[in-house]
Amino acid sequence: MQHWSAPSATPSQLRPCVATFGNFDGVHRGHRAILDELVRQARSRDLPAVAVTFDPHPVEVMHPERAPEIISPGPLRDELLEAAGVDGLLVLPFTAEFAQTSAVDYIVDTFVTGLQVEALVVGADTKGFGSGYTGDVDLIRELGDEHGFDVVVIEDQGDGERWSSSAVRTHLAAGEVAEAAAILGRPHRVAGTVVHGFHRGRELGYPTANLAPDSLGLVPSDGVYAGWLTRLDLPEGSDDRRLPAAISVGTNPTFDQQVRVVEAYVLDRTDLDLYGEQVAVDFVAHVRPTLKFDSIDELLLAMARDVDRTREVLDLPPSTRP
């Protein structure tokens, strides 16, 4: 998937095209409905599929006090867009000056002139773009008629709960990772470099991979989770690339730790040396809240239960641990 940052710099092989635009934070199932139609329209016309997004998130610029935490920051978002079949991604730098662009100029400059769009795919709730937040689907249709491009509108998606980035954030803030996954269409992911921690897990017989503080992805609320650890440096299909894991998020109150960390214990494995590797942690289900234990023995019993519960959630065979 090609990337560029100005409509005038659109690669010649990616115009004309079929396009869409949005923040695509999380690339959830609602986004996927739009992206699937984008790709379908593009393939049916023998044209490339192009997505347009913004960096940073517009709310971060216009109302920083209300800026949302990003579910899937840039690289994670881009991987998901490419996996959906997008051929090109135009990332527009969002500034206070850019925000003064009229809705008409935004559509014409970006999609008509820059991308030479033949069809624009948008969600039915597309609105509030351009200066004064005046842009909406009706305006896009008017401009489509005027400039000769088709407009394809996708209705809101959901199965009882509307599929939205805000709903995903709400679930993750509550530790409801299974509910978030139902909207995302996959387990929520946090990815980063494995760094040294306090080595307490190894001392207790449960060595963990600690993710660096600058890891990408919205971290769920404190607690213990069942999930998977993927070693991103290993090729697809490699042995030990995707491993079942019990994941802890929090400050480890039993040891009065102050720093909040994400750490993952790979089930039944004490032989792994993951330091310096790029890994992804996928959250499948909440196991229990973070607790402070009165003794190491109580902590060890709880950790054993966490591992057993993780094994149940992931539908794994009995432990091979001696």
C-alpha atoms as a PDB file:
ATOM      1  CA  MET A   1       0.000   0.000   0.000  1.00  0.00           C
ATOM      2  CA  GLN A   2       1.448   3.358  -1.046  1.00  0.00           C
ATOM      3  CA  HIS A   3       1.421   6.411   1.256  1.00  0.00           C
ATOM      4  CA  TRP A   4       1.583  10.133   0.458  1.00  0.00           C
ATOM      5  CA  SER A   5       0.552  13.358   2.160  1.00  0.00           C
ATOM      6  CA  ALA A   6      -0.756  15.810  -0.449  1.00  0.00           C
ATOM      7  CA  PRO A   7      -3.466  15.399  -3.134  1.00  0.00           C
ATOM      8  CA  SER A   8      -1.136  16.946  -5.717  1.00  0.00           C
ATOM      9  CA  ALA A   9       1.431  14.217  -4.987  1.00  0.00           C
ATOM     10  CA  THR A  10      -0.935  11.349  -5.794  1.00  0.00           C
ATOM     11  CA  PRO A  11       1.005   8.686  -7.743  1.00  0.00           C
ATOM     12  CA  SER A  12      -0.114   8.528 -11.356  1.00  0.00           C
ATOM     13  CA  GLN A  13      -0.889   4.801 -11.089  1.00  0.00           C
ATOM     14  CA  LEU A  14      -3.410   5.559  -8.318  1.00  0.00           C
ATOM     15  CA  ARG A  15      -5.544   7.998 -10.297  1.00  0.00           C
ATOM     16  CA  PRO A  16      -8.232   7.859 -11.390  1.00  0.00           C
ATOM     17  CA  CYS A  17      -9.531   5.804  -8.477  1.00  0.00           C
ATOM     18  CA  VAL A  18     -12.388   4.939  -6.166  1.00  0.00           C
ATOM     19  CA  ALA A  19     -11.946   6.597  -2.789  1.00  0.00           C
ATOM     20  CA  THR A  20     -13.270   7.039   0.724  1.00  0.00           C
ATOM     21  CA  PHE A  21     -12.270   9.168   3.701  1.00  0.00           C
ATOM     22  CA  GLY A  22     -12.394   9.091   7.484  1.00  0.00           C
ATOM     23  CA  ASN A  23     -10.305   8.709  10.626  1.00  0.00           C
ATOM     24  CA  PHE A  24     -10.516   4.893  10.524  1.00  0.00           C
ATOM     25  CA  ASP A  25      -9.462   4.633  14.170  1.00  0.00           C
ATOM     26  CA  GLY A  26      -9.585   0.952  15.029  1.00  0.00           C
ATOM     27  CA  VAL A  27     -10.707  -0.026  11.511  1.00  0.00           C
ATOM     28  CA  HIS A  28     -13.755  -1.665  13.097  1.00  0.00           C
ATOM     29  CA  ARG A  29     -16.550  -3.567  11.386  1.00  0.00           C
ATOM     30  CA  GLY A  30     -18.363  -0.354  10.472  1.00  0.00           C
ATOM     31  CA  HIS A  31     -15.230   0.870   8.725  1.00  0.00           C
ATOM     32  CA  ARG A  32     -14.806  -2.520   7.132  1.00  0.00           C
ATOM     33  CA  ALA A  33     -18.276  -2.294   5.571  1.00  0.00           C
ATOM     34  CA  ILE A  34     -17.196   0.928   3.869  1.00  0.00           C
ATOM     35  CA  LEU A  35     -13.787  -0.452   2.910  1.00  0.00           C
ATOM     36  CA  ASP A  36     -15.292  -3.657   1.531  1.00  0.00           C
ATOM     37  CA  GLU A  37     -17.582  -1.606  -0.700  1.00  0.00           C
ATOM     38  CA  LEU A  38     -14.654   0.636  -1.649  1.00  0.00           C
ATOM     39  CA  VAL A  39     -12.651  -2.358  -2.820  1.00  0.00           C
ATOM     40  CA  ARG A  40     -15.662  -3.922  -4.553  1.00  0.00           C
ATOM     41  CA  GLN A  41     -16.377  -0.713  -6.453  1.00  0.00           C
ATOM     42  CA  ALA A  42     -12.714  -0.307  -7.360  1.00  0.00           C
ATOM     43  CA  ARG A  43     -12.290  -3.854  -8.615  1.00  0.00           C
ATOM     44  CA  SER A  44     -15.512  -3.702 -10.633  1.00  0.00           C
ATOM     45  CA  ARG A  45     -14.207  -0.588 -12.396  1.00  0.00           C
ATOM     46  CA  ASP A  46     -10.635  -1.892 -12.704  1.00  0.00           C
ATOM     47  CA  LEU A  47      -9.422   1.056 -10.618  1.00  0.00           C
ATOM     48  CA  PRO A  48      -7.274   1.349  -7.492  1.00  0.00           C
ATOM     49  CA  ALA A  49      -8.914   1.728  -4.057  1.00  0.00           C
ATOM     50  CA  VAL A  50      -7.700   4.781  -2.137  1.00  0.00           C
ATOM     51  CA  ALA A  51      -8.432   5.845   1.435  1.00  0.00           C
ATOM     52  CA  VAL A  52      -7.940   9.375   2.752  1.00  0.00           C
ATOM     53  CA  THR A  53      -7.340  10.047   6.424  1.00  0.00           C
ATOM     54  CA  PHE A  54      -5.882  12.693   8.724  1.00  0.00           C
ATOM     55  CA  ASP A  55      -2.946  13.037  11.098  1.00  0.00           C
ATOM     56  CA  PRO A  56      -3.319  13.976  13.855  1.00  0.00           C
ATOM     57  CA  HIS A  57      -6.957  13.252  14.701  1.00  0.00           C
ATOM     58  CA  PRO A  58      -8.936  16.453  13.946  1.00  0.00           C
ATOM     59  CA  VAL A  59     -10.305  16.669  17.494  1.00  0.00           C
ATOM     60  CA  GLU A  60      -6.744  16.744  18.831  1.00  0.00           C
ATOM     61  CA  VAL A  61      -6.188  19.974  16.896  1.00  0.00           C
ATOM     62  CA  MET A  62      -9.571  21.653  17.270  1.00  0.00           C
ATOM     63  CA  HIS A  63     -10.522  20.555  20.787  1.00  0.00           C
ATOM     64  CA  PRO A  64      -7.429  19.046  22.453  1.00  0.00           C
ATOM     65  CA  GLU A  65      -9.202  18.799  25.811  1.00  0.00           C
ATOM     66  CA  ARG A  66     -11.599  16.322  24.185  1.00  0.00           C
ATOM     67  CA  ALA A  67      -9.052  14.449  22.078  1.00  0.00           C
ATOM     68  CA  PRO A  68      -9.799  10.714  22.089  1.00  0.00           C
ATOM     69  CA  GLU A  69      -7.204   8.090  22.860  1.00  0.00           C
ATOM     70  CA  ILE A  70      -6.310   6.428  19.582  1.00  0.00           C
ATOM     71  CA  ILE A  71      -7.308   2.759  19.369  1.00  0.00           C
ATOM     72  CA  SER A  72      -4.938   1.819  16.559  1.00  0.00           C
ATOM     73  CA  PRO A  73      -2.266   4.487  15.905  1.00  0.00           C
ATOM     74  CA  GLY A  74      -0.779   5.019  12.442  1.00  0.00           C
ATOM     75  CA  PRO A  75       1.219   1.839  11.748  1.00  0.00           C
ATOM     76  CA  LEU A  76      -1.481  -0.435  13.213  1.00  0.00           C
ATOM     77  CA  ARG A  77      -4.206   1.400  11.288  1.00  0.00           C
ATOM     78  CA  ASP A  78      -2.198   1.214   8.077  1.00  0.00           C
ATOM     79  CA  GLU A  79      -1.694  -2.551   8.393  1.00  0.00           C
ATOM     80  CA  LEU A  80      -5.437  -3.015   8.835  1.00  0.00           C
ATOM     81  CA  LEU A  81      -6.257  -0.803   5.847  1.00  0.00           C
ATOM     82  CA  GLU A  82      -3.818  -2.695   3.653  1.00  0.00           C
ATOM     83  CA  ALA A  83      -5.264  -6.013   4.823  1.00  0.00           C
ATOM     84  CA  ALA A  84      -8.706  -4.729   3.795  1.00  0.00           C
ATOM     85  CA  GLY A  85      -7.463  -4.312   0.219  1.00  0.00           C
ATOM     86  CA  VAL A  86      -6.696  -0.588   0.116  1.00  0.00           C
ATOM     87  CA  ASP A  87      -4.085   0.213  -2.550  1.00  0.00           C
ATOM     88  CA  GLY A  88      -3.175   3.730  -1.499  1.00  0.00           C
ATOM     89  CA  LEU A  89      -3.449   5.903   1.607  1.00  0.00           C
ATOM     90  CA  LEU A  90      -3.415   9.687   1.479  1.00  0.00           C
ATOM     91  CA  VAL A  91      -2.652  10.994   4.980  1.00  0.00           C
ATOM     92  CA  LEU A  92      -3.526  14.680   5.119  1.00  0.00           C
ATOM     93  CA  PRO A  93      -1.710  16.685   7.812  1.00  0.00           C
ATOM     94  CA  PHE A  94      -4.520  18.171   9.894  1.00  0.00           C
ATOM     95  CA  THR A  95      -3.736  21.674  11.104  1.00  0.00           C
ATOM     96  CA  ALA A  96      -5.765  24.662  12.293  1.00  0.00           C
ATOM     97  CA  GLU A  97      -5.157  26.199   8.860  1.00  0.00           C
ATOM     98  CA  PHE A  98      -6.370  23.069   7.056  1.00  0.00           C
ATOM     99  CA  ALA A  99      -9.499  23.137   9.229  1.00  0.00           C
ATOM    100  CA  GLN A 100     -10.438  26.454   7.587  1.00  0.00           C
ATOM    101  CA  THR A 101     -10.776  24.747   4.191  1.00  0.00           C
ATOM    102  CA  SER A 102     -14.397  24.818   3.060  1.00  0.00           C
ATOM    103  CA  ALA A 103     -16.191  21.511   2.648  1.00  0.00           C
ATOM    104  CA  VAL A 104     -16.545  22.207  -1.101  1.00  0.00           C
ATOM    105  CA  ASP A 105     -12.850  22.992  -1.554  1.00  0.00           C
ATOM    106  CA  TYR A 106     -11.878  19.910   0.456  1.00  0.00           C
ATOM    107  CA  ILE A 107     -13.899  17.586  -1.771  1.00  0.00           C
ATOM    108  CA  VAL A 108     -12.926  19.269  -5.033  1.00  0.00           C
ATOM    109  CA  ASP A 109      -9.217  19.751  -4.259  1.00  0.00           C
ATOM    110  CA  THR A 110      -8.717  16.319  -2.730  1.00  0.00           C
ATOM    111  CA  PHE A 111     -10.989  14.025  -4.682  1.00  0.00           C
ATOM    112  CA  VAL A 112     -11.786  15.733  -7.987  1.00  0.00           C
ATOM    113  CA  THR A 113      -8.460  17.407  -8.749  1.00  0.00           C
ATOM    114  CA  GLY A 114      -6.002  15.356  -6.720  1.00  0.00           C
ATOM    115  CA  LEU A 115      -7.370  11.823  -6.958  1.00  0.00           C
ATOM    116  CA  GLN A 116      -9.525  12.170 -10.103  1.00  0.00           C
ATOM    117  CA  VAL A 117     -12.096  10.099  -8.263  1.00  0.00           C
ATOM    118  CA  GLU A 118     -14.708   8.204 -10.255  1.00  0.00           C
ATOM    119  CA  ALA A 119     -16.657   7.060  -7.209  1.00  0.00           C
ATOM    120  CA  LEU A 120     -16.622   8.184  -3.584  1.00  0.00           C
ATOM    121  CA  VAL A 121     -17.791   5.708  -0.927  1.00  0.00           C
ATOM    122  CA  VAL A 122     -18.977   7.225   2.354  1.00  0.00           C
ATOM    123  CA  GLY A 123     -20.944   6.269   5.429  1.00  0.00           C
ATOM    124  CA  ALA A 124     -24.466   7.616   5.866  1.00  0.00           C
ATOM    125  CA  ASP A 125     -23.297   9.422   9.009  1.00  0.00           C
ATOM    126  CA  THR A 126     -20.544  11.346   7.170  1.00  0.00           C
ATOM    127  CA  LYS A 127     -20.932  14.963   8.269  1.00  0.00           C
ATOM    128  CA  GLY A 128     -19.201  17.830   9.988  1.00  0.00           C
ATOM    129  CA  PHE A 129     -16.204  18.155   7.680  1.00  0.00           C
ATOM    130  CA  GLY A 130     -14.861  21.422   6.296  1.00  0.00           C
ATOM    131  CA  SER A 131     -14.844  24.857   7.897  1.00  0.00           C
ATOM    132  CA  GLY A 132     -17.918  25.433  10.006  1.00  0.00           C
ATOM    133  CA  TYR A 133     -18.484  21.658  10.015  1.00  0.00           C
ATOM    134  CA  THR A 134     -20.881  22.115   7.089  1.00  0.00           C
ATOM    135  CA  GLY A 135     -19.968  19.111   4.937  1.00  0.00           C
ATOM    136  CA  ASP A 136     -22.380  16.181   4.739  1.00  0.00           C
ATOM    137  CA  VAL A 137     -23.591  13.451   2.404  1.00  0.00           C
ATOM    138  CA  ASP A 138     -26.040  15.763   0.612  1.00  0.00           C
ATOM    139  CA  LEU A 139     -23.195  18.119  -0.277  1.00  0.00           C
ATOM    140  CA  ILE A 140     -21.087  15.209  -1.534  1.00  0.00           C
ATOM    141  CA  ARG A 141     -23.969  14.082  -3.752  1.00  0.00           C
ATOM    142  CA  GLU A 142     -24.357  17.612  -5.154  1.00  0.00           C
ATOM    143  CA  LEU A 143     -20.650  17.772  -5.940  1.00  0.00           C
ATOM    144  CA  GLY A 144     -20.798  14.305  -7.468  1.00  0.00           C
ATOM    145  CA  ASP A 145     -23.496  15.469  -9.866  1.00  0.00           C
ATOM    146  CA  GLU A 146     -21.562  18.639 -10.658  1.00  0.00           C
ATOM    147  CA  HIS A 147     -18.166  17.027 -11.190  1.00  0.00           C
ATOM    148  CA  GLY A 148     -19.188  13.663 -12.585  1.00  0.00           C
ATOM    149  CA  PHE A 149     -18.336  11.150  -9.877  1.00  0.00           C
ATOM    150  CA  ASP A 150     -20.609   8.540  -8.344  1.00  0.00           C
ATOM    151  CA  VAL A 151     -21.455   8.614  -4.641  1.00  0.00           C
ATOM    152  CA  VAL A 152     -22.015   5.311  -2.837  1.00  0.00           C
ATOM    153  CA  VAL A 153     -23.518   5.607   0.657  1.00  0.00           C
ATOM    154  CA  ILE A 154     -23.230   2.838   3.249  1.00  0.00           C
ATOM    155  CA  GLU A 155     -25.826   2.790   6.011  1.00  0.00           C
ATOM    156  CA  ASP A 156     -24.879   2.621   9.701  1.00  0.00           C
ATOM    157  CA  GLN A 157     -23.702  -0.803  10.774  1.00  0.00           C
ATOM    158  CA  GLY A 158     -24.278  -2.751  13.987  1.00  0.00           C
ATOM    159  CA  ASP A 159     -26.029  -5.699  15.583  1.00  0.00           C
ATOM    160  CA  GLY A 160     -27.769  -4.074  18.521  1.00  0.00           C
ATOM    161  CA  GLU A 161     -24.874  -1.724  19.300  1.00  0.00           C
ATOM    162  CA  ARG A 162     -23.691   0.722  16.668  1.00  0.00           C
ATOM    163  CA  TRP A 163     -20.201  -0.121  15.459  1.00  0.00           C
ATOM    164  CA  SER A 164     -18.151   2.950  16.283  1.00  0.00           C
ATOM    165  CA  SER A 165     -14.709   3.905  17.564  1.00  0.00           C
ATOM    166  CA  SER A 166     -16.246   5.583  20.614  1.00  0.00           C
ATOM    167  CA  ALA A 167     -18.015   2.340  21.550  1.00  0.00           C
ATOM    168  CA  VAL A 168     -14.722   0.448  21.273  1.00  0.00           C
ATOM    169  CA  ARG A 169     -13.008   2.992  23.537  1.00  0.00           C
ATOM    170  CA  THR A 170     -15.801   2.690  26.095  1.00  0.00           C
ATOM    171  CA  HIS A 171     -15.495  -1.092  26.210  1.00  0.00           C
ATOM    172  CA  LEU A 172     -11.701  -1.026  26.475  1.00  0.00           C
ATOM    173  CA  ALA A 173     -11.869   1.515  29.306  1.00  0.00           C
ATOM    174  CA  ALA A 174     -14.095  -0.955  31.154  1.00  0.00           C
ATOM    175  CA  GLY A 175     -11.859  -3.948  30.410  1.00  0.00           C
ATOM    176  CA  GLU A 176     -14.555  -5.401  28.155  1.00  0.00           C
ATOM    177  CA  VAL A 177     -12.170  -6.640  25.503  1.00  0.00           C
ATOM    178  CA  ALA A 178     -14.519  -9.334  24.186  1.00  0.00           C
ATOM    179  CA  GLU A 179     -17.198  -6.706  23.593  1.00  0.00           C
ATOM    180  CA  ALA A 180     -14.620  -4.470  21.900  1.00  0.00           C
ATOM    181  CA  ALA A 181     -13.558  -7.396  19.713  1.00  0.00           C
ATOM    182  CA  ALA A 182     -17.170  -7.918  18.637  1.00  0.00           C
ATOM    183  CA  ILE A 183     -17.158  -4.397  17.173  1.00  0.00           C
ATOM    184  CA  LEU A 184     -13.609  -4.546  15.828  1.00  0.00           C
ATOM    185  CA  GLY A 185     -14.140  -7.928  14.203  1.00  0.00           C
ATOM    186  CA  ARG A 186     -10.889  -9.159  15.801  1.00  0.00           C
ATOM    187  CA  PRO A 187      -9.177  -9.010  19.204  1.00  0.00           C
ATOM    188  CA  HIS A 188      -7.834  -5.581  20.132  1.00  0.00           C
ATOM    189  CA  ARG A 189      -4.068  -5.294  19.657  1.00  0.00           C
ATOM    190  CA  VAL A 190      -1.237  -3.490  21.439  1.00  0.00           C
ATOM    191  CA  ALA A 191       2.205  -3.781  19.825  1.00  0.00           C
ATOM    192  CA  GLY A 192       5.711  -2.773  20.837  1.00  0.00           C
ATOM    193  CA  THR A 193       9.208  -3.794  21.820  1.00  0.00           C
ATOM    194  CA  VAL A 194       9.856  -6.255  24.647  1.00  0.00           C
ATOM    195  CA  VAL A 195      11.925  -4.560  27.345  1.00  0.00           C
ATOM    196  CA  HIS A 196      13.387  -5.570  30.690  1.00  0.00           C
ATOM    197  CA  GLY A 197      11.101  -5.198  33.683  1.00  0.00           C
ATOM    198  CA  PHE A 198      11.633  -6.108  37.321  1.00  0.00           C
ATOM    199  CA  HIS A 199      12.082  -9.824  36.479  1.00  0.00           C
ATOM    200  CA  ARG A 200       9.644 -10.770  39.246  1.00  0.00           C
ATOM    201  CA  GLY A 201       7.685 -13.038  36.910  1.00  0.00           C
ATOM    202  CA  ARG A 202      10.781 -15.077  36.122  1.00  0.00           C
ATOM    203  CA  GLU A 203      11.577 -15.365  39.827  1.00  0.00           C
ATOM    204  CA  LEU A 204       8.050 -16.634  40.452  1.00  0.00           C
ATOM    205  CA  GLY A 205       8.162 -19.133  37.594  1.00  0.00           C
ATOM    206  CA  TYR A 206       6.018 -17.042  35.227  1.00  0.00           C
ATOM    207  CA  PRO A 207       8.426 -15.048  33.026  1.00  0.00           C
ATOM    208  CA  THR A 208       6.670 -12.226  31.220  1.00  0.00           C
ATOM    209  CA  ALA A 209       7.334 -10.160  28.124  1.00  0.00           C
ATOM    210  CA  ASN A 210       7.030  -6.504  29.152  1.00  0.00           C
ATOM    211  CA  LEU A 211       6.019  -4.087  26.407  1.00  0.00           C
ATOM    212  CA  ALA A 212       7.836  -0.761  26.170  1.00  0.00           C
ATOM    213  CA  PRO A 213       5.925   2.319  27.388  1.00  0.00           C
ATOM    214  CA  ASP A 214       5.783   3.700  23.832  1.00  0.00           C
ATOM    215  CA  SER A 215       3.905   0.686  22.512  1.00  0.00           C
ATOM    216  CA  LEU A 216       1.153   1.325  19.972  1.00  0.00           C
ATOM    217  CA  GLY A 217      -2.512   0.739  20.727  1.00  0.00           C
ATOM    218  CA  LEU A 218      -4.991   1.824  23.367  1.00  0.00           C
ATOM    219  CA  VAL A 219      -4.250  -0.137  26.553  1.00  0.00           C
ATOM    220  CA  PRO A 220      -7.372  -1.582  28.227  1.00  0.00           C
ATOM    221  CA  SER A 221      -8.142  -0.950  31.882  1.00  0.00           C
ATOM    222  CA  ASP A 222      -6.056  -2.665  34.538  1.00  0.00           C
ATOM    223  CA  GLY A 223      -6.673  -6.373  34.907  1.00  0.00           C
ATOM    224  CA  VAL A 224      -5.699  -9.841  33.759  1.00  0.00           C
ATOM    225  CA  TYR A 225      -6.670 -10.992  30.282  1.00  0.00           C
ATOM    226  CA  ALA A 226      -6.504 -14.072  28.097  1.00  0.00           C
ATOM    227  CA  GLY A 227      -5.018 -13.564  24.668  1.00  0.00           C
ATOM    228  CA  TRP A 228      -2.200 -14.162  22.234  1.00  0.00           C
ATOM    229  CA  LEU A 229       1.346 -12.906  21.817  1.00  0.00           C
ATOM    230  CA  THR A 230       2.596 -12.653  18.238  1.00  0.00           C
ATOM    231  CA  ARG A 231       6.315 -12.363  17.502  1.00  0.00           C
ATOM    232  CA  LEU A 232       6.247  -9.884  14.639  1.00  0.00           C
ATOM    233  CA  ASP A 233       9.922 -10.368  13.750  1.00  0.00           C
ATOM    234  CA  LEU A 234       9.275 -13.994  12.788  1.00  0.00           C
ATOM    235  CA  PRO A 235       7.883 -14.803   9.321  1.00  0.00           C
ATOM    236  CA  GLU A 236       4.248 -15.802   8.941  1.00  0.00           C
ATOM    237  CA  GLY A 237       3.822 -19.516   9.567  1.00  0.00           C
ATOM    238  CA  SER A 238       6.931 -19.811  11.730  1.00  0.00           C
ATOM    239  CA  ASP A 239       6.907 -22.030  14.773  1.00  0.00           C
ATOM    240  CA  ASP A 240       6.440 -19.986  17.941  1.00  0.00           C
ATOM    241  CA  ARG A 241       5.199 -16.920  16.047  1.00  0.00           C
ATOM    242  CA  ARG A 242       1.730 -16.866  17.672  1.00  0.00           C
ATOM    243  CA  LEU A 243       1.606 -18.049  21.272  1.00  0.00           C
ATOM    244  CA  PRO A 244      -1.153 -18.240  23.904  1.00  0.00           C
ATOM    245  CA  ALA A 245      -0.636 -15.801  26.750  1.00  0.00           C
ATOM    246  CA  ALA A 246      -2.015 -14.594  30.064  1.00  0.00           C
ATOM    247  CA  ILE A 247      -1.743 -10.806  29.935  1.00  0.00           C
ATOM    248  CA  SER A 248      -1.494  -8.442  32.883  1.00  0.00           C
ATOM    249  CA  VAL A 249      -2.172  -4.709  32.669  1.00  0.00           C
ATOM    250  CA  GLY A 250      -1.493  -2.478  35.649  1.00  0.00           C
ATOM    251  CA  THR A 251       0.927  -1.383  38.341  1.00  0.00           C
ATOM    252  CA  ASN A 252       1.370  -4.733  40.114  1.00  0.00           C
ATOM    253  CA  PRO A 253      -0.025  -3.509  43.465  1.00  0.00           C
ATOM    254  CA  THR A 254       1.226  -6.551  45.416  1.00  0.00           C
ATOM    255  CA  PHE A 255       4.722  -5.122  44.960  1.00  0.00           C
ATOM    256  CA  ASP A 256       3.656  -1.446  45.291  1.00  0.00           C
ATOM    257  CA  GLN A 257       4.840  -0.775  41.762  1.00  0.00           C
ATOM    258  CA  GLN A 258       4.026   2.700  40.403  1.00  0.00           C
ATOM    259  CA  VAL A 259       4.565   2.254  36.674  1.00  0.00           C
ATOM    260  CA  ARG A 260       1.673   0.893  34.609  1.00  0.00           C
ATOM    261  CA  VAL A 261       2.824  -1.905  32.317  1.00  0.00           C
ATOM    262  CA  VAL A 262       1.507  -4.455  29.833  1.00  0.00           C
ATOM    263  CA  GLU A 263       3.154  -7.833  30.320  1.00  0.00           C
ATOM    264  CA  ALA A 264       2.373 -11.239  28.863  1.00  0.00           C
ATOM    265  CA  TYR A 265       3.243 -14.705  30.138  1.00  0.00           C
ATOM    266  CA  VAL A 266       3.386 -17.251  27.323  1.00  0.00           C
ATOM    267  CA  LEU A 267       1.677 -20.357  28.668  1.00  0.00           C
ATOM    268  CA  ASP A 268       3.990 -23.223  29.655  1.00  0.00           C
ATOM    269  CA  ARG A 269       7.084 -21.495  28.275  1.00  0.00           C
ATOM    270  CA  THR A 270      10.088 -20.500  30.361  1.00  0.00           C
ATOM    271  CA  ASP A 271      12.630 -20.890  27.542  1.00  0.00           C
ATOM    272  CA  LEU A 272      11.806 -17.804  25.467  1.00  0.00           C
ATOM    273  CA  ASP A 273      14.167 -14.842  25.239  1.00  0.00           C
ATOM    274  CA  LEU A 274      12.061 -12.084  23.698  1.00  0.00           C
ATOM    275  CA  TYR A 275      14.037  -9.014  24.771  1.00  0.00           C
ATOM    276  CA  GLY A 276      14.315  -6.523  21.925  1.00  0.00           C
ATOM    277  CA  GLU A 277      11.734  -8.312  19.769  1.00  0.00           C
ATOM    278  CA  GLN A 278       8.724  -6.591  18.248  1.00  0.00           C
ATOM    279  CA  VAL A 279       5.592  -8.308  19.525  1.00  0.00           C
ATOM    280  CA  ALA A 280       1.842  -7.808  19.434  1.00  0.00           C
ATOM    281  CA  VAL A 281      -0.502  -8.658  22.273  1.00  0.00           C
ATOM    282  CA  ASP A 282      -4.101  -9.471  21.294  1.00  0.00           C
ATOM    283  CA  PHE A 283      -6.719  -9.238  24.053  1.00  0.00           C
ATOM    284  CA  VAL A 284      -9.378 -11.954  23.822  1.00  0.00           C
ATOM    285  CA  ALA A 285     -11.185 -11.957  27.183  1.00  0.00           C
ATOM    286  CA  HIS A 286     -11.113 -10.379  30.641  1.00  0.00           C
ATOM    287  CA  VAL A 287     -10.101 -12.876  33.337  1.00  0.00           C
ATOM    288  CA  ARG A 288     -10.178 -10.810  36.540  1.00  0.00           C
ATOM    289  CA  PRO A 289      -9.517  -7.309  37.888  1.00  0.00           C
ATOM    290  CA  THR A 290      -6.141  -6.315  39.287  1.00  0.00           C
ATOM    291  CA  LEU A 291      -5.873  -7.281  42.959  1.00  0.00           C
ATOM    292  CA  LYS A 292      -3.393  -6.715  45.755  1.00  0.00           C
ATOM    293  CA  PHE A 293      -2.461  -9.953  47.522  1.00  0.00           C
ATOM    294  CA  ASP A 294      -1.251 -10.275  51.106  1.00  0.00           C
ATOM    295  CA  SER A 295       1.443 -12.819  50.292  1.00  0.00           C
ATOM    296  CA  ILE A 296       3.464 -14.287  47.462  1.00  0.00           C
ATOM    297  CA  ASP A 297       1.730 -17.627  47.987  1.00  0.00           C
ATOM    298  CA  GLU A 298      -1.673 -16.014  47.398  1.00  0.00           C
ATOM    299  CA  LEU A 299      -0.318 -14.320  44.287  1.00  0.00           C
ATOM    300  CA  LEU A 300       1.040 -17.615  42.942  1.00  0.00           C
ATOM    301  CA  LEU A 301      -2.305 -19.330  43.464  1.00  0.00           C
ATOM    302  CA  ALA A 302      -4.062 -16.519  41.630  1.00  0.00           C
ATOM    303  CA  MET A 303      -1.559 -16.679  38.764  1.00  0.00           C
ATOM    304  CA  ALA A 304      -2.110 -20.413  38.428  1.00  0.00           C
ATOM    305  CA  ARG A 305      -5.861 -19.806  38.245  1.00  0.00           C
ATOM    306  CA  ASP A 306      -5.310 -17.060  35.672  1.00  0.00           C
ATOM    307  CA  VAL A 307      -3.356 -19.468  33.488  1.00  0.00           C
ATOM    308  CA  ASP A 308      -6.030 -22.150  33.830  1.00  0.00           C
ATOM    309  CA  ARG A 309      -8.741 -19.672  32.929  1.00  0.00           C
ATOM    310  CA  THR A 310      -6.715 -18.412  29.960  1.00  0.00           C
ATOM    311  CA  ARG A 311      -6.368 -21.986  28.754  1.00  0.00           C
ATOM    312  CA  GLU A 312     -10.159 -22.427  28.973  1.00  0.00           C
ATOM    313  CA  VAL A 313     -10.890 -19.185  27.120  1.00  0.00           C
ATOM    314  CA  LEU A 314      -8.472 -20.039  24.325  1.00  0.00           C
ATOM    315  CA  ASP A 315      -9.734 -23.644  24.167  1.00  0.00           C
ATOM    316  CA  LEU A 316      -6.285 -25.134  24.735  1.00  0.00           C
ATOM    317  CA  PRO A 317      -5.413 -28.660  25.905  1.00  0.00           C
ATOM    318  CA  PRO A 318      -4.285 -29.326  29.492  1.00  0.00           C
ATOM    319  CA  SER A 319      -1.010 -27.867  30.690  1.00  0.00           C
ATOM    320  CA  THR A 320       2.315 -29.438  29.739  1.00  0.00           C
ATOM    321  CA  ARG A 321       4.003 -27.586  32.557  1.00  0.00           C
ATOM    322  CA  PRO A 322       5.627 -29.934  35.099  1.00  0.00           C
END
